[in-house]
Amino acid sequence: DNQKKEQIIIMYAVDRVYNHYYAGLTGRMQFTNLDPRSGDGSLDIL
């Protein structure tokens, strides 16, 4: 629905992962790579 805002679901910023924004995926998602600075920001959804 174009009327609704985008929802941040996970974020990496200043060397920290923030993943508590979106209750629907809490505990079921993670960055594929523990260190996204490596050039891999892929997302796993379980």
ModelCIF file with pLDDT and N, C-alpha, C, O atoms, coordinates in Angstrom:
data_MODEL
#
_entry.id   MODEL 
#
_entity.id                         1 
_entity.type                       polymer 
_entity.pdbx_number_of_molecules   1 
#
_entity_poly.entity_id                      1 
_entity_poly.type                           'polypeptide(L)' 
_entity_poly.nstd_linkage                   no 
_entity_poly.nstd_monomer                   no 
_entity_poly.pdbx_seq_one_letter_code       DNQKKEQIIIMYAVDRVYNHYYAGLTGRMQFTNLDPRSGDGSLDIL 
_entity_poly.pdbx_seq_one_letter_code_can   DNQKKEQIIIMYAVDRVYNHYYAGLTGRMQFTNLDPRSGDGSLDIL 
_entity_poly.pdbx_strand_id                 A 
#
loop_
_entity_poly_seq.entity_id 
_entity_poly_seq.num 
_entity_poly_seq.mon_id 
_entity_poly_seq.hetero 
1 1  ASP n 
1 2  ASN n 
1 3  GLN n 
1 4  LYS n 
1 5  LYS n 
1 6  GLU n 
1 7  GLN n 
1 8  ILE n 
1 9  ILE n 
1 10 ILE n 
1 11 MET n 
1 12 TYR n 
1 13 ALA n 
1 14 VAL n 
1 15 ASP n 
1 16 ARG n 
1 17 VAL n 
1 18 TYR n 
1 19 ASN n 
1 20 HIS n 
1 21 TYR n 
1 22 TYR n 
1 23 ALA n 
1 24 GLY n 
1 25 LEU n 
1 26 THR n 
1 27 GLY n 
1 28 ARG n 
1 29 MET n 
1 30 GLN n 
1 31 PHE n 
1 32 THR n 
1 33 ASN n 
1 34 LEU n 
1 35 ASP n 
1 36 PRO n 
1 37 ARG n 
1 38 SER n 
1 39 GLY n 
1 40 ASP n 
1 41 GLY n 
1 42 SER n 
1 43 LEU n 
1 44 ASP n 
1 45 ILE n 
1 46 LEU n 
#
_struct_asym.id          A 
_struct_asym.entity_id   1 
#
loop_
_ma_qa_metric.id 
_ma_qa_metric.mode 
_ma_qa_metric.name 
_ma_qa_metric.software_group_id 
_ma_qa_metric.type 
1 global pLDDT . pLDDT 
2 local  pLDDT . pLDDT 
#
_ma_qa_metric_global.metric_id      1 
_ma_qa_metric_global.metric_value   90.98 
_ma_qa_metric_global.model_id       1 
_ma_qa_metric_global.ordinal_id     1 
#
loop_
_ma_qa_metric_local.label_asym_id 
_ma_qa_metric_local.label_comp_id 
_ma_qa_metric_local.label_seq_id 
_ma_qa_metric_local.metric_id 
_ma_qa_metric_local.metric_value 
_ma_qa_metric_local.model_id 
_ma_qa_metric_local.ordinal_id 
A ASP 1  2 75.00 1 1  
A ASN 2  2 72.00 1 2  
A GLN 3  2 74.00 1 3  
A LYS 4  2 80.00 1 4  
A LYS 5  2 85.00 1 5  
A GLU 6  2 88.00 1 6  
A GLN 7  2 91.00 1 7  
A ILE 8  2 93.00 1 8  
A ILE 9  2 95.00 1 9  
A ILE 10 2 96.00 1 10 
A MET 11 2 96.00 1 11 
A TYR 12 2 97.00 1 12 
A ALA 13 2 95.00 1 13 
A VAL 14 2 86.00 1 14 
A ASP 15 2 89.00 1 15 
A ARG 16 2 94.00 1 16 
A VAL 17 2 94.00 1 17 
A TYR 18 2 93.00 1 18 
A ASN 19 2 92.00 1 19 
A HIS 20 2 88.00 1 20 
A TYR 21 2 83.00 1 21 
A TYR 22 2 86.00 1 22 
A ALA 23 2 87.00 1 23 
A GLY 24 2 86.00 1 24 
A LEU 25 2 88.00 1 25 
A THR 26 2 86.00 1 26 
A GLY 27 2 90.00 1 27 
A ARG 28 2 94.00 1 28 
A MET 29 2 95.00 1 29 
A GLN 30 2 96.00 1 30 
A PHE 31 2 96.00 1 31 
A THR 32 2 96.00 1 32 
A ASN 33 2 95.00 1 33 
A LEU 34 2 91.00 1 34 
A ASP 35 2 92.00 1 35 
A PRO 36 2 93.00 1 36 
A ARG 37 2 92.00 1 37 
A SER 38 2 92.00 1 38 
A GLY 39 2 95.00 1 39 
A ASP 40 2 97.00 1 40 
A GLY 41 2 97.00 1 41 
A SER 42 2 97.00 1 42 
A LEU 43 2 97.00 1 43 
A ASP 44 2 97.00 1 44 
A ILE 45 2 97.00 1 45 
A LEU 46 2 97.00 1 46 
#
loop_
_atom_site.group_PDB 
_atom_site.id 
_atom_site.type_symbol 
_atom_site.label_atom_id 
_atom_site.label_alt_id 
_atom_site.label_comp_id 
_atom_site.label_asym_id 
_atom_site.label_entity_id 
_atom_site.label_seq_id 
_atom_site.pdbx_PDB_ins_code 
_atom_site.Cartn_x 
_atom_site.Cartn_y 
_atom_site.Cartn_z 
_atom_site.occupancy 
_atom_site.B_iso_or_equiv 
_atom_site.pdbx_formal_charge 
_atom_site.auth_seq_id 
_atom_site.auth_comp_id 
_atom_site.auth_asym_id 
_atom_site.auth_atom_id 
_atom_site.pdbx_PDB_model_num 
ATOM 1   N N  . ASP A 1 1  ? 0.848  -1.186  0.000  1.00 75.00 ? 1  ASP A N  1 
ATOM 2   C CA . ASP A 1 1  ? 0.000  0.000   0.000  1.00 75.00 ? 1  ASP A CA 1 
ATOM 3   C C  . ASP A 1 1  ? 0.891  1.246   0.000  1.00 75.00 ? 1  ASP A C  1 
ATOM 4   O O  . ASP A 1 1  ? 1.611  1.505   0.965  1.00 75.00 ? 1  ASP A O  1 
ATOM 5   N N  . ASN A 1 2  ? 0.833  2.016   -1.097 1.00 72.00 ? 2  ASN A N  1 
ATOM 6   C CA . ASN A 1 2  ? 1.718  3.181   -1.237 1.00 72.00 ? 2  ASN A CA 1 
ATOM 7   C C  . ASN A 1 2  ? 1.493  4.245   -0.167 1.00 72.00 ? 2  ASN A C  1 
ATOM 8   O O  . ASN A 1 2  ? 2.352  5.100   0.045  1.00 72.00 ? 2  ASN A O  1 
ATOM 9   N N  . GLN A 1 3  ? 0.360  4.201   0.499  1.00 74.00 ? 3  GLN A N  1 
ATOM 10  C CA . GLN A 1 3  ? 0.065  5.212   1.520  1.00 74.00 ? 3  GLN A CA 1 
ATOM 11  C C  . GLN A 1 3  ? 0.876  4.973   2.789  1.00 74.00 ? 3  GLN A C  1 
ATOM 12  O O  . GLN A 1 3  ? 1.096  5.893   3.577  1.00 74.00 ? 3  GLN A O  1 
ATOM 13  N N  . LYS A 1 4  ? 1.315  3.742   2.980  1.00 80.00 ? 4  LYS A N  1 
ATOM 14  C CA . LYS A 1 4  ? 2.026  3.416   4.217  1.00 80.00 ? 4  LYS A CA 1 
ATOM 15  C C  . LYS A 1 4  ? 3.521  3.674   4.062  1.00 80.00 ? 4  LYS A C  1 
ATOM 16  O O  . LYS A 1 4  ? 4.054  3.673   2.952  1.00 80.00 ? 4  LYS A O  1 
ATOM 17  N N  . LYS A 1 5  ? 4.194  3.897   5.204  1.00 85.00 ? 5  LYS A N  1 
ATOM 18  C CA . LYS A 1 5  ? 5.624  4.165   5.183  1.00 85.00 ? 5  LYS A CA 1 
ATOM 19  C C  . LYS A 1 5  ? 6.423  2.870   5.125  1.00 85.00 ? 5  LYS A C  1 
ATOM 20  O O  . LYS A 1 5  ? 5.969  1.811   5.560  1.00 85.00 ? 5  LYS A O  1 
ATOM 21  N N  . GLU A 1 6  ? 7.638  2.992   4.568  1.00 88.00 ? 6  GLU A N  1 
ATOM 22  C CA . GLU A 1 6  ? 8.568  1.863   4.619  1.00 88.00 ? 6  GLU A CA 1 
ATOM 23  C C  . GLU A 1 6  ? 8.837  1.525   6.080  1.00 88.00 ? 6  GLU A C  1 
ATOM 24  O O  . GLU A 1 6  ? 8.801  2.393   6.951  1.00 88.00 ? 6  GLU A O  1 
ATOM 25  N N  . GLN A 1 7  ? 9.104  0.260   6.327  1.00 91.00 ? 7  GLN A N  1 
ATOM 26  C CA . GLN A 1 7  ? 9.365  -0.184  7.697  1.00 91.00 ? 7  GLN A CA 1 
ATOM 27  C C  . GLN A 1 7  ? 10.805 -0.695  7.775  1.00 91.00 ? 7  GLN A C  1 
ATOM 28  O O  . GLN A 1 7  ? 11.154 -1.655  7.087  1.00 91.00 ? 7  GLN A O  1 
ATOM 29  N N  . ILE A 1 8  ? 11.639 -0.070  8.599  1.00 93.00 ? 8  ILE A N  1 
ATOM 30  C CA . ILE A 1 8  ? 13.003 -0.590  8.797  1.00 93.00 ? 8  ILE A CA 1 
ATOM 31  C C  . ILE A 1 8  ? 12.884 -1.907  9.559  1.00 93.00 ? 8  ILE A C  1 
ATOM 32  O O  . ILE A 1 8  ? 12.196 -1.980  10.577 1.00 93.00 ? 8  ILE A O  1 
ATOM 33  N N  . ILE A 1 9  ? 13.559 -2.953  9.060  1.00 95.00 ? 9  ILE A N  1 
ATOM 34  C CA . ILE A 1 9  ? 13.479 -4.230  9.782  1.00 95.00 ? 9  ILE A CA 1 
ATOM 35  C C  . ILE A 1 9  ? 14.798 -4.600  10.464 1.00 95.00 ? 9  ILE A C  1 
ATOM 36  O O  . ILE A 1 9  ? 14.792 -5.252  11.508 1.00 95.00 ? 9  ILE A O  1 
ATOM 37  N N  . ILE A 1 10 ? 15.922 -4.189  9.882  1.00 96.00 ? 10 ILE A N  1 
ATOM 38  C CA . ILE A 1 10 ? 17.220 -4.427  10.533 1.00 96.00 ? 10 ILE A CA 1 
ATOM 39  C C  . ILE A 1 10 ? 18.203 -3.393  9.989  1.00 96.00 ? 10 ILE A C  1 
ATOM 40  O O  . ILE A 1 10 ? 18.083 -2.932  8.854  1.00 96.00 ? 10 ILE A O  1 
ATOM 41  N N  . MET A 1 11 ? 19.172 -3.046  10.825 1.00 96.00 ? 11 MET A N  1 
ATOM 42  C CA . MET A 1 11 ? 20.080 -1.962  10.443 1.00 96.00 ? 11 MET A CA 1 
ATOM 43  C C  . MET A 1 11 ? 21.457 -2.217  11.053 1.00 96.00 ? 11 MET A C  1 
ATOM 44  O O  . MET A 1 11 ? 21.578 -2.700  12.179 1.00 96.00 ? 11 MET A O  1 
ATOM 45  N N  . TYR A 1 12 ? 22.485 -1.881  10.282 1.00 97.00 ? 12 TYR A N  1 
ATOM 46  C CA . TYR A 1 12 ? 23.858 -1.910  10.797 1.00 97.00 ? 12 TYR A CA 1 
ATOM 47  C C  . TYR A 1 12 ? 24.366 -0.472  10.741 1.00 97.00 ? 12 TYR A C  1 
ATOM 48  O O  . TYR A 1 12 ? 24.405 0.135   9.670  1.00 97.00 ? 12 TYR A O  1 
ATOM 49  N N  . ALA A 1 13 ? 24.752 0.068   11.884 1.00 95.00 ? 13 ALA A N  1 
ATOM 50  C CA . ALA A 1 13 ? 25.241 1.450   11.914 1.00 95.00 ? 13 ALA A CA 1 
ATOM 51  C C  . ALA A 1 13 ? 26.247 1.595   13.037 1.00 95.00 ? 13 ALA A C  1 
ATOM 52  O O  . ALA A 1 13 ? 26.038 1.095   14.142 1.00 95.00 ? 13 ALA A O  1 
ATOM 53  N N  . VAL A 1 14 ? 27.346 2.287   12.746 1.00 86.00 ? 14 VAL A N  1 
ATOM 54  C CA . VAL A 1 14 ? 28.408 2.532   13.726 1.00 86.00 ? 14 VAL A CA 1 
ATOM 55  C C  . VAL A 1 14 ? 28.747 1.232   14.472 1.00 86.00 ? 14 VAL A C  1 
ATOM 56  O O  . VAL A 1 14 ? 28.728 1.173   15.702 1.00 86.00 ? 14 VAL A O  1 
ATOM 57  N N  . ASP A 1 15 ? 29.055 0.204   13.690 1.00 89.00 ? 15 ASP A N  1 
ATOM 58  C CA . ASP A 1 15 ? 29.525 -1.083  14.214 1.00 89.00 ? 15 ASP A CA 1 
ATOM 59  C C  . ASP A 1 15 ? 28.530 -1.814  15.098 1.00 89.00 ? 15 ASP A C  1 
ATOM 60  O O  . ASP A 1 15 ? 28.927 -2.679  15.878 1.00 89.00 ? 15 ASP A O  1 
ATOM 61  N N  . ARG A 1 16 ? 27.243 -1.488  14.995 1.00 94.00 ? 16 ARG A N  1 
ATOM 62  C CA . ARG A 1 16 ? 26.244 -2.208  15.785 1.00 94.00 ? 16 ARG A CA 1 
ATOM 63  C C  . ARG A 1 16 ? 25.089 -2.630  14.908 1.00 94.00 ? 16 ARG A C  1 
ATOM 64  O O  . ARG A 1 16 ? 24.762 -1.975  13.918 1.00 94.00 ? 16 ARG A O  1 
ATOM 65  N N  . VAL A 1 17 ? 24.468 -3.754  15.294 1.00 94.00 ? 17 VAL A N  1 
ATOM 66  C CA . VAL A 1 17 ? 23.267 -4.229  14.599 1.00 94.00 ? 17 VAL A CA 1 
ATOM 67  C C  . VAL A 1 17 ? 22.054 -3.833  15.428 1.00 94.00 ? 17 VAL A C  1 
ATOM 68  O O  . VAL A 1 17 ? 22.017 -4.049  16.639 1.00 94.00 ? 17 VAL A O  1 
ATOM 69  N N  . TYR A 1 18 ? 21.069 -3.253  14.766 1.00 93.00 ? 18 TYR A N  1 
ATOM 70  C CA . TYR A 1 18 ? 19.799 -2.885  15.397 1.00 93.00 ? 18 TYR A CA 1 
ATOM 71  C C  . TYR A 1 18 ? 18.703 -3.693  14.722 1.00 93.00 ? 18 TYR A C  1 
ATOM 72  O O  . TYR A 1 18 ? 18.446 -3.521  13.531 1.00 93.00 ? 18 TYR A O  1 
ATOM 73  N N  . ASN A 1 19 ? 18.056 -4.575  15.478 1.00 92.00 ? 19 ASN A N  1 
ATOM 74  C CA . ASN A 1 19 ? 17.086 -5.479  14.841 1.00 92.00 ? 19 ASN A CA 1 
ATOM 75  C C  . ASN A 1 19 ? 15.786 -5.588  15.621 1.00 92.00 ? 19 ASN A C  1 
ATOM 76  O O  . ASN A 1 19 ? 15.099 -6.606  15.545 1.00 92.00 ? 19 ASN A O  1 
ATOM 77  N N  . HIS A 1 20 ? 15.451 -4.560  16.359 1.00 88.00 ? 20 HIS A N  1 
ATOM 78  C CA . HIS A 1 20 ? 14.245 -4.628  17.197 1.00 88.00 ? 20 HIS A CA 1 
ATOM 79  C C  . HIS A 1 20 ? 13.128 -3.726  16.674 1.00 88.00 ? 20 HIS A C  1 
ATOM 80  O O  . HIS A 1 20 ? 12.171 -3.441  17.395 1.00 88.00 ? 20 HIS A O  1 
ATOM 81  N N  . TYR A 1 21 ? 13.246 -3.277  15.422 1.00 83.00 ? 21 TYR A N  1 
ATOM 82  C CA . TYR A 1 21 ? 12.273 -2.314  14.885 1.00 83.00 ? 21 TYR A CA 1 
ATOM 83  C C  . TYR A 1 21 ? 10.970 -2.955  14.448 1.00 83.00 ? 21 TYR A C  1 
ATOM 84  O O  . TYR A 1 21 ? 9.913  -2.326  14.499 1.00 83.00 ? 21 TYR A O  1 
ATOM 85  N N  . TYR A 1 22 ? 11.044 -4.210  14.017 1.00 86.00 ? 22 TYR A N  1 
ATOM 86  C CA . TYR A 1 22 ? 9.897  -4.812  13.331 1.00 86.00 ? 22 TYR A CA 1 
ATOM 87  C C  . TYR A 1 22 ? 9.512  -6.110  14.038 1.00 86.00 ? 22 TYR A C  1 
ATOM 88  O O  . TYR A 1 22 ? 10.160 -7.144  13.878 1.00 86.00 ? 22 TYR A O  1 
ATOM 89  N N  . ALA A 1 23 ? 8.437  -6.026  14.826 1.00 87.00 ? 23 ALA A N  1 
ATOM 90  C CA . ALA A 1 23 ? 8.052  -7.160  15.670 1.00 87.00 ? 23 ALA A CA 1 
ATOM 91  C C  . ALA A 1 23 ? 7.774  -8.427  14.860 1.00 87.00 ? 23 ALA A C  1 
ATOM 92  O O  . ALA A 1 23 ? 8.033  -9.535  15.329 1.00 87.00 ? 23 ALA A O  1 
ATOM 93  N N  . GLY A 1 24 ? 7.248  -8.261  13.644 1.00 86.00 ? 24 GLY A N  1 
ATOM 94  C CA . GLY A 1 24 ? 6.889  -9.431  12.831 1.00 86.00 ? 24 GLY A CA 1 
ATOM 95  C C  . GLY A 1 24 ? 8.053  -10.368 12.533 1.00 86.00 ? 24 GLY A C  1 
ATOM 96  O O  . GLY A 1 24 ? 7.838  -11.552 12.275 1.00 86.00 ? 24 GLY A O  1 
ATOM 97  N N  . LEU A 1 25 ? 9.294  -9.851  12.566 1.00 88.00 ? 25 LEU A N  1 
ATOM 98  C CA . LEU A 1 25 ? 10.460 -10.683 12.239 1.00 88.00 ? 25 LEU A CA 1 
ATOM 99  C C  . LEU A 1 25 ? 11.412 -10.860 13.415 1.00 88.00 ? 25 LEU A C  1 
ATOM 100 O O  . LEU A 1 25 ? 12.472 -11.464 13.257 1.00 88.00 ? 25 LEU A O  1 
ATOM 101 N N  . THR A 1 26 ? 11.059 -10.351 14.582 1.00 86.00 ? 26 THR A N  1 
ATOM 102 C CA . THR A 1 26 ? 11.964 -10.423 15.726 1.00 86.00 ? 26 THR A CA 1 
ATOM 103 C C  . THR A 1 26 ? 12.350 -11.880 16.008 1.00 86.00 ? 26 THR A C  1 
ATOM 104 O O  . THR A 1 26 ? 11.494 -12.757 16.119 1.00 86.00 ? 26 THR A O  1 
ATOM 105 N N  . GLY A 1 27 ? 13.658 -12.110 16.121 1.00 90.00 ? 27 GLY A N  1 
ATOM 106 C CA . GLY A 1 27 ? 14.155 -13.463 16.425 1.00 90.00 ? 27 GLY A CA 1 
ATOM 107 C C  . GLY A 1 27 ? 14.234 -14.369 15.208 1.00 90.00 ? 27 GLY A C  1 
ATOM 108 O O  . GLY A 1 27 ? 14.715 -15.497 15.317 1.00 90.00 ? 27 GLY A O  1 
ATOM 109 N N  . ARG A 1 28 ? 13.774 -13.905 14.048 1.00 94.00 ? 28 ARG A N  1 
ATOM 110 C CA . ARG A 1 28 ? 13.803 -14.753 12.844 1.00 94.00 ? 28 ARG A CA 1 
ATOM 111 C C  . ARG A 1 28 ? 14.674 -14.171 11.738 1.00 94.00 ? 28 ARG A C  1 
ATOM 112 O O  . ARG A 1 28 ? 14.673 -14.688 10.621 1.00 94.00 ? 28 ARG A O  1 
ATOM 113 N N  . MET A 1 29 ? 15.412 -13.114 12.026 1.00 95.00 ? 29 MET A N  1 
ATOM 114 C CA . MET A 1 29 ? 16.248 -12.522 10.972 1.00 95.00 ? 29 MET A CA 1 
ATOM 115 C C  . MET A 1 29 ? 17.607 -12.132 11.529 1.00 95.00 ? 29 MET A C  1 
ATOM 116 O O  . MET A 1 29 ? 17.769 -11.855 12.718 1.00 95.00 ? 29 MET A O  1 
ATOM 117 N N  . GLN A 1 30 ? 18.579 -12.121 10.618 1.00 96.00 ? 30 GLN A N  1 
ATOM 118 C CA . GLN A 1 30 ? 19.935 -11.740 11.005 1.00 96.00 ? 30 GLN A CA 1 
ATOM 119 C C  . GLN A 1 30 ? 20.717 -11.424 9.737  1.00 96.00 ? 30 GLN A C  1 
ATOM 120 O O  . GLN A 1 30 ? 20.392 -11.901 8.649  1.00 96.00 ? 30 GLN A O  1 
ATOM 121 N N  . PHE A 1 31 ? 21.757 -10.607 9.904  1.00 96.00 ? 31 PHE A N  1 
ATOM 122 C CA . PHE A 1 31 ? 22.678 -10.424 8.786  1.00 96.00 ? 31 PHE A CA 1 
ATOM 123 C C  . PHE A 1 31 ? 23.368 -11.772 8.550  1.00 96.00 ? 31 PHE A C  1 
ATOM 124 O O  . PHE A 1 31 ? 23.768 -12.447 9.498  1.00 96.00 ? 31 PHE A O  1 
ATOM 125 N N  . THR A 1 32 ? 23.503 -12.154 7.279  1.00 96.00 ? 32 THR A N  1 
ATOM 126 C CA . THR A 1 32 ? 24.138 -13.423 6.928  1.00 96.00 ? 32 THR A CA 1 
ATOM 127 C C  . THR A 1 32 ? 25.571 -13.459 7.463  1.00 96.00 ? 32 THR A C  1 
ATOM 128 O O  . THR A 1 32 ? 26.032 -14.477 7.978  1.00 96.00 ? 32 THR A O  1 
ATOM 129 N N  . ASN A 1 33 ? 26.261 -12.327 7.331  1.00 95.00 ? 33 ASN A N  1 
ATOM 130 C CA . ASN A 1 33 ? 27.643 -12.219 7.772  1.00 95.00 ? 33 ASN A CA 1 
ATOM 131 C C  . ASN A 1 33 ? 27.680 -11.462 9.101  1.00 95.00 ? 33 ASN A C  1 
ATOM 132 O O  . ASN A 1 33 ? 27.090 -10.389 9.228  1.00 95.00 ? 33 ASN A O  1 
ATOM 133 N N  . LEU A 1 34 ? 28.373 -12.026 10.081 1.00 91.00 ? 34 LEU A N  1 
ATOM 134 C CA . LEU A 1 34 ? 28.436 -11.381 11.399 1.00 91.00 ? 34 LEU A CA 1 
ATOM 135 C C  . LEU A 1 34 ? 29.057 -9.992  11.319 1.00 91.00 ? 34 LEU A C  1 
ATOM 136 O O  . LEU A 1 34 ? 28.765 -9.122  12.140 1.00 91.00 ? 34 LEU A O  1 
ATOM 137 N N  . ASP A 1 35 ? 29.933 -9.790  10.304 1.00 92.00 ? 35 ASP A N  1 
ATOM 138 C CA . ASP A 1 35 ? 30.564 -8.482  10.135 1.00 92.00 ? 35 ASP A CA 1 
ATOM 139 C C  . ASP A 1 35 ? 30.217 -7.924  8.757  1.00 92.00 ? 35 ASP A C  1 
ATOM 140 O O  . ASP A 1 35 ? 30.940 -8.175  7.793  1.00 92.00 ? 35 ASP A O  1 
ATOM 141 N N  . PRO A 1 36 ? 29.121 -7.172  8.651  1.00 93.00 ? 36 PRO A N  1 
ATOM 142 C CA . PRO A 1 36 ? 28.699 -6.654  7.346  1.00 93.00 ? 36 PRO A CA 1 
ATOM 143 C C  . PRO A 1 36 ? 29.722 -5.728  6.690  1.00 93.00 ? 36 PRO A C  1 
ATOM 144 O O  . PRO A 1 36 ? 29.621 -5.444  5.497  1.00 93.00 ? 36 PRO A O  1 
ATOM 145 N N  . ARG A 1 37 ? 30.720 -5.249  7.469  1.00 92.00 ? 37 ARG A N  1 
ATOM 146 C CA . ARG A 1 37 ? 31.765 -4.398  6.878  1.00 92.00 ? 37 ARG A CA 1 
ATOM 147 C C  . ARG A 1 37 ? 32.554 -5.146  5.819  1.00 92.00 ? 37 ARG A C  1 
ATOM 148 O O  . ARG A 1 37 ? 33.224 -4.534  4.987  1.00 92.00 ? 37 ARG A O  1 
ATOM 149 N N  . SER A 1 38 ? 32.475 -6.473  5.849  1.00 92.00 ? 38 SER A N  1 
ATOM 150 C CA . SER A 1 38 ? 33.209 -7.301  4.885  1.00 92.00 ? 38 SER A CA 1 
ATOM 151 C C  . SER A 1 38 ? 32.701 -7.102  3.463  1.00 92.00 ? 38 SER A C  1 
ATOM 152 O O  . SER A 1 38 ? 33.304 -7.598  2.512  1.00 92.00 ? 38 SER A O  1 
ATOM 153 N N  . GLY A 1 39 ? 31.591 -6.375  3.314  1.00 95.00 ? 39 GLY A N  1 
ATOM 154 C CA . GLY A 1 39 ? 31.020 -6.195  1.982  1.00 95.00 ? 39 GLY A CA 1 
ATOM 155 C C  . GLY A 1 39 ? 29.815 -7.087  1.752  1.00 95.00 ? 39 GLY A C  1 
ATOM 156 O O  . GLY A 1 39 ? 29.332 -7.209  0.627  1.00 95.00 ? 39 GLY A O  1 
ATOM 157 N N  . ASP A 1 40 ? 29.326 -7.713  2.821  1.00 97.00 ? 40 ASP A N  1 
ATOM 158 C CA . ASP A 1 40 ? 28.151 -8.581  2.708  1.00 97.00 ? 40 ASP A CA 1 
ATOM 159 C C  . ASP A 1 40 ? 27.081 -8.129  3.699  1.00 97.00 ? 40 ASP A C  1 
ATOM 160 O O  . ASP A 1 40 ? 27.186 -8.369  4.902  1.00 97.00 ? 40 ASP A O  1 
ATOM 161 N N  . GLY A 1 41 ? 26.060 -7.477  3.175  1.00 97.00 ? 41 GLY A N  1 
ATOM 162 C CA . GLY A 1 41 ? 24.949 -7.035  4.009  1.00 97.00 ? 41 GLY A CA 1 
ATOM 163 C C  . GLY A 1 41 ? 23.712 -7.882  3.774  1.00 97.00 ? 41 GLY A C  1 
ATOM 164 O O  . GLY A 1 41 ? 22.595 -7.446  4.053  1.00 97.00 ? 41 GLY A O  1 
ATOM 165 N N  . SER A 1 42 ? 23.907 -9.100  3.258  1.00 97.00 ? 42 SER A N  1 
ATOM 166 C CA . SER A 1 42 ? 22.764 -9.983  2.967  1.00 97.00 ? 42 SER A CA 1 
ATOM 167 C C  . SER A 1 42 ? 21.985 -10.291 4.230  1.00 97.00 ? 42 SER A C  1 
ATOM 168 O O  . SER A 1 42 ? 22.515 -10.238 5.340  1.00 97.00 ? 42 SER A O  1 
ATOM 169 N N  . LEU A 1 43 ? 20.698 -10.619 4.034  1.00 97.00 ? 43 LEU A N  1 
ATOM 170 C CA . LEU A 1 43 ? 19.786 -10.834 5.165  1.00 97.00 ? 43 LEU A CA 1 
ATOM 171 C C  . LEU A 1 43 ? 19.239 -12.248 5.137  1.00 97.00 ? 43 LEU A C  1 
ATOM 172 O O  . LEU A 1 43 ? 18.742 -12.709 4.110  1.00 97.00 ? 43 LEU A O  1 
ATOM 173 N N  . ASP A 1 44 ? 19.331 -12.939 6.271  1.00 97.00 ? 44 ASP A N  1 
ATOM 174 C CA . ASP A 1 44 ? 18.698 -14.256 6.438  1.00 97.00 ? 44 ASP A CA 1 
ATOM 175 C C  . ASP A 1 44 ? 17.366 -14.064 7.146  1.00 97.00 ? 44 ASP A C  1 
ATOM 176 O O  . ASP A 1 44 ? 17.288 -13.369 8.159  1.00 97.00 ? 44 ASP A O  1 
ATOM 177 N N  . ILE A 1 45 ? 16.318 -14.681 6.613  1.00 97.00 ? 45 ILE A N  1 
ATOM 178 C CA . ILE A 1 45 ? 15.039 -14.744 7.324  1.00 97.00 ? 45 ILE A CA 1 
ATOM 179 C C  . ILE A 1 45 ? 14.743 -16.222 7.540  1.00 97.00 ? 45 ILE A C  1 
ATOM 180 O O  . ILE A 1 45 ? 14.719 -17.006 6.592  1.00 97.00 ? 45 ILE A O  1 
ATOM 181 N N  . LEU A 1 46 ? 14.517 -16.592 8.796  1.00 97.00 ? 46 LEU A N  1 
ATOM 182 C CA . LEU A 1 46 ? 14.325 -17.989 9.170  1.00 97.00 ? 46 LEU A CA 1 
ATOM 183 C C  . LEU A 1 46 ? 12.843 -18.274 9.376  1.00 97.00 ? 46 LEU A C  1 
ATOM 184 O O  . LEU A 1 46 ? 12.471 -19.402 9.697  1.00 97.00 ? 46 LEU A O  1 
#
